Amino acid sequence: MTYEEYYRLLWRLDYLIYLGVNMVSDFEDLKVQVSKNTSIEQSAVVLIQGIAQRLKDAAGDPVAVRALADQLRSSAGPLADAVAANTVPAV
């Protein structure tokens, strides 16, 4: 093996190591993001189920329905802001 061939082989090996390290880092980032998304989705499901149950419970009481509507209206802005703040723009 010539010096040049040896040098090219070492360069390729270094490059493969570099790619492997970056892939591990990217994979770890992906695992963290999937975990966050799963947690957020589960929280949203619990929130929606809670609202549905409260609507069902208040169905025969116009005052309770109005109070729930007012509460939802007052929390809509902060919820929309939180969703917008944590939404990655489409590329």
C-alpha atoms as a PDB file:
ATOM      1  CA  MET A   1       0.000   0.000   0.000  1.00  0.00           C
ATOM      2  CA  THR A   2       1.407   3.353  -0.968  1.00  0.00           C
ATOM      3  CA  TYR A   3       1.467   6.362   1.288  1.00  0.00           C
ATOM      4  CA  GLU A   4      -1.218   8.023  -0.825  1.00  0.00           C
ATOM      5  CA  GLU A   5      -3.520   5.003  -0.599  1.00  0.00           C
ATOM      6  CA  TYR A   6      -2.948   4.809   3.133  1.00  0.00           C
ATOM      7  CA  TYR A   7      -3.716   8.529   3.498  1.00  0.00           C
ATOM      8  CA  ARG A   8      -6.964   8.192   1.488  1.00  0.00           C
ATOM      9  CA  LEU A   9      -7.998   5.218   3.567  1.00  0.00           C
ATOM     10  CA  LEU A  10      -7.402   7.139   6.802  1.00  0.00           C
ATOM     11  CA  TRP A  11      -9.303  10.141   5.448  1.00  0.00           C
ATOM     12  CA  ARG A  12     -12.281   7.943   4.560  1.00  0.00           C
ATOM     13  CA  LEU A  13     -12.188   6.303   7.969  1.00  0.00           C
ATOM     14  CA  ASP A  14     -12.125   9.697   9.681  1.00  0.00           C
ATOM     15  CA  TYR A  15     -15.054  10.809   7.551  1.00  0.00           C
ATOM     16  CA  LEU A  16     -17.076   7.699   8.420  1.00  0.00           C
ATOM     17  CA  ILE A  17     -16.396   8.265  12.121  1.00  0.00           C
ATOM     18  CA  TYR A  18     -17.501  11.874  11.738  1.00  0.00           C
ATOM     19  CA  LEU A  19     -20.733  10.778  10.042  1.00  0.00           C
ATOM     20  CA  GLY A  20     -21.381   8.186  12.731  1.00  0.00           C
ATOM     21  CA  VAL A  21     -20.946  10.699  15.540  1.00  0.00           C
ATOM     22  CA  ASN A  22     -23.304  13.148  13.830  1.00  0.00           C
ATOM     23  CA  MET A  23     -25.882  10.434  13.196  1.00  0.00           C
ATOM     24  CA  VAL A  24     -25.853   9.444  16.874  1.00  0.00           C
ATOM     25  CA  SER A  25     -26.344  13.075  17.884  1.00  0.00           C
ATOM     26  CA  ASP A  26     -29.167  13.535  15.359  1.00  0.00           C
ATOM     27  CA  PHE A  27     -30.810  10.307  16.551  1.00  0.00           C
ATOM     28  CA  GLU A  28     -30.689  11.454  20.176  1.00  0.00           C
ATOM     29  CA  ASP A  29     -32.228  14.809  19.194  1.00  0.00           C
ATOM     30  CA  LEU A  30     -34.969  12.958  17.334  1.00  0.00           C
ATOM     31  CA  LYS A  31     -35.714  10.743  20.347  1.00  0.00           C
ATOM     32  CA  VAL A  32     -36.026  13.808  22.591  1.00  0.00           C
ATOM     33  CA  GLN A  33     -38.373  15.551  20.137  1.00  0.00           C
ATOM     34  CA  VAL A  34     -40.572  12.450  19.751  1.00  0.00           C
ATOM     35  CA  SER A  35     -40.819  12.209  23.534  1.00  0.00           C
ATOM     36  CA  LYS A  36     -41.823  15.878  23.802  1.00  0.00           C
ATOM     37  CA  ASN A  37     -44.410  15.517  21.023  1.00  0.00           C
ATOM     38  CA  THR A  38     -45.905  12.421  22.633  1.00  0.00           C
ATOM     39  CA  SER A  39     -46.192  14.213  25.958  1.00  0.00           C
ATOM     40  CA  ILE A  40     -47.805  17.253  24.336  1.00  0.00           C
ATOM     41  CA  GLU A  41     -50.243  15.103  22.364  1.00  0.00           C
ATOM     42  CA  GLN A  42     -51.241  13.201  25.497  1.00  0.00           C
ATOM     43  CA  SER A  43     -51.789  16.486  27.347  1.00  0.00           C
ATOM     44  CA  ALA A  44     -53.991  17.749  24.510  1.00  0.00           C
ATOM     45  CA  VAL A  45     -56.073  14.554  24.588  1.00  0.00           C
ATOM     46  CA  VAL A  46     -56.582  14.893  28.351  1.00  0.00           C
ATOM     47  CA  LEU A  47     -57.559  18.557  27.916  1.00  0.00           C
ATOM     48  CA  ILE A  48     -60.088  17.792  25.172  1.00  0.00           C
ATOM     49  CA  GLN A  49     -61.569  14.877  27.105  1.00  0.00           C
ATOM     50  CA  GLY A  50     -61.911  17.097  30.168  1.00  0.00           C
ATOM     51  CA  ILE A  51     -63.706  19.792  28.195  1.00  0.00           C
ATOM     52  CA  ALA A  52     -66.017  17.203  26.654  1.00  0.00           C
ATOM     53  CA  GLN A  53     -66.867  15.793  30.075  1.00  0.00           C
ATOM     54  CA  ARG A  54     -67.522  19.246  31.519  1.00  0.00           C
ATOM     55  CA  LEU A  55     -69.818  20.060  28.581  1.00  0.00           C
ATOM     56  CA  LYS A  56     -71.661  16.794  29.125  1.00  0.00           C
ATOM     57  CA  ASP A  57     -71.981  17.489  32.864  1.00  0.00           C
ATOM     58  CA  ALA A  58     -73.291  21.013  32.226  1.00  0.00           C
ATOM     59  CA  ALA A  59     -75.714  20.042  29.446  1.00  0.00           C
ATOM     60  CA  GLY A  60     -78.877  20.644  31.478  1.00  0.00           C
ATOM     61  CA  ASP A  61     -77.668  23.806  33.206  1.00  0.00           C
ATOM     62  CA  PRO A  62     -77.519  26.949  31.028  1.00  0.00           C
ATOM     63  CA  VAL A  63     -75.621  28.875  33.715  1.00  0.00           C
ATOM     64  CA  ALA A  64     -72.918  26.180  33.914  1.00  0.00           C
ATOM     65  CA  VAL A  65     -72.675  26.037  30.102  1.00  0.00           C
ATOM     66  CA  ARG A  66     -72.243  29.809  29.973  1.00  0.00           C
ATOM     67  CA  ALA A  67     -69.579  29.720  32.727  1.00  0.00           C
ATOM     68  CA  LEU A  68     -67.674  26.998  30.868  1.00  0.00           C
ATOM     69  CA  ALA A  69     -67.901  28.954  27.599  1.00  0.00           C
ATOM     70  CA  ASP A  70     -66.562  32.057  29.348  1.00  0.00           C
ATOM     71  CA  GLN A  71     -63.703  30.072  30.888  1.00  0.00           C
ATOM     72  CA  LEU A  72     -62.780  28.524  27.532  1.00  0.00           C
ATOM     73  CA  ARG A  73     -62.936  31.916  25.831  1.00  0.00           C
ATOM     74  CA  SER A  74     -60.618  33.463  28.436  1.00  0.00           C
ATOM     75  CA  SER A  75     -58.056  30.665  28.101  1.00  0.00           C
ATOM     76  CA  ALA A  76     -58.150  30.543  24.283  1.00  0.00           C
ATOM     77  CA  GLY A  77     -55.616  33.373  23.840  1.00  0.00           C
ATOM     78  CA  PRO A  78     -52.903  31.927  26.095  1.00  0.00           C
ATOM     79  CA  LEU A  79     -53.443  28.459  24.618  1.00  0.00           C
ATOM     80  CA  ALA A  80     -53.173  29.792  21.040  1.00  0.00           C
ATOM     81  CA  ASP A  81     -50.019  31.700  21.993  1.00  0.00           C
ATOM     82  CA  ALA A  82     -48.464  28.570  23.527  1.00  0.00           C
ATOM     83  CA  VAL A  83     -49.260  26.483  20.449  1.00  0.00           C
ATOM     84  CA  ALA A  84     -47.868  29.150  18.119  1.00  0.00           C
ATOM     85  CA  ALA A  85     -44.714  29.512  20.217  1.00  0.00           C
ATOM     86  CA  ASN A  86     -44.042  25.766  20.023  1.00  0.00           C
ATOM     87  CA  THR A  87     -44.912  25.239  16.364  1.00  0.00           C
ATOM     88  CA  VAL A  88     -42.040  24.841  13.947  1.00  0.00           C
ATOM     89  CA  PRO A  89     -42.728  26.733  10.699  1.00  0.00           C
ATOM     90  CA  ALA A  90     -43.158  24.601   7.594  1.00  0.00           C
ATOM     91  CA  VAL A  91     -40.202  24.671   5.257  1.00  0.00           C
END
